[in-house]
Amino acid sequence: MIDTVEQASGVGIAAPQIYKSLRIFIMSSKPNPRYPDAPLMPITAIINPEIIHASSEMEKGWEGCLSVPSMRGFVPRHKTIYVRYHDQQGQVQETEFNGFLARIFQHELDHLDGLTFIDRLESTKDLISESEWYQQFAPQAN
């Protein structure tokens, strides 16, 4: 799973995406060509995740997905979430994620529940090709 995420410049991958029926996903965040403004987060295994509390404040943001190649969607997500999961050592972890990291967690949790970001779109107008996204929204090189 880790190799797949790194090779694709992704920020997460869930077990069902590689045909494993397990409630586990990987999160990892750092600036890369697909997400140039991504915050730093080391590769983290998230096992049996759950959202304990989600803020009522929603925030729309652009998402891509290894399962939906060459597309981007403008997806509403909870801005802040408080979560519980087991780490690779089997220890229970509870933490709060905000912004982009909260978005990654919710996106990957959706995969465990059989959903993709397309299921969360408010309108088909919120779906564009990745090449169009790069032309319209990607930071321009100086």
Foldseek 3Di string as FASTA:
>chain_A
DVVVCVVVVHQKDAPVVVPDLFQKMWGAWDADQLRNPTDGDHIWIFHPKDWPDFDPDKAWDWDDDPVHPQKIFGFIDGQKTWMWGATPVRDIDIDMDGHPVRVRVVQRSVVSVVDHRVVRHPDPVRMDGNVVCCVPPNDDDD
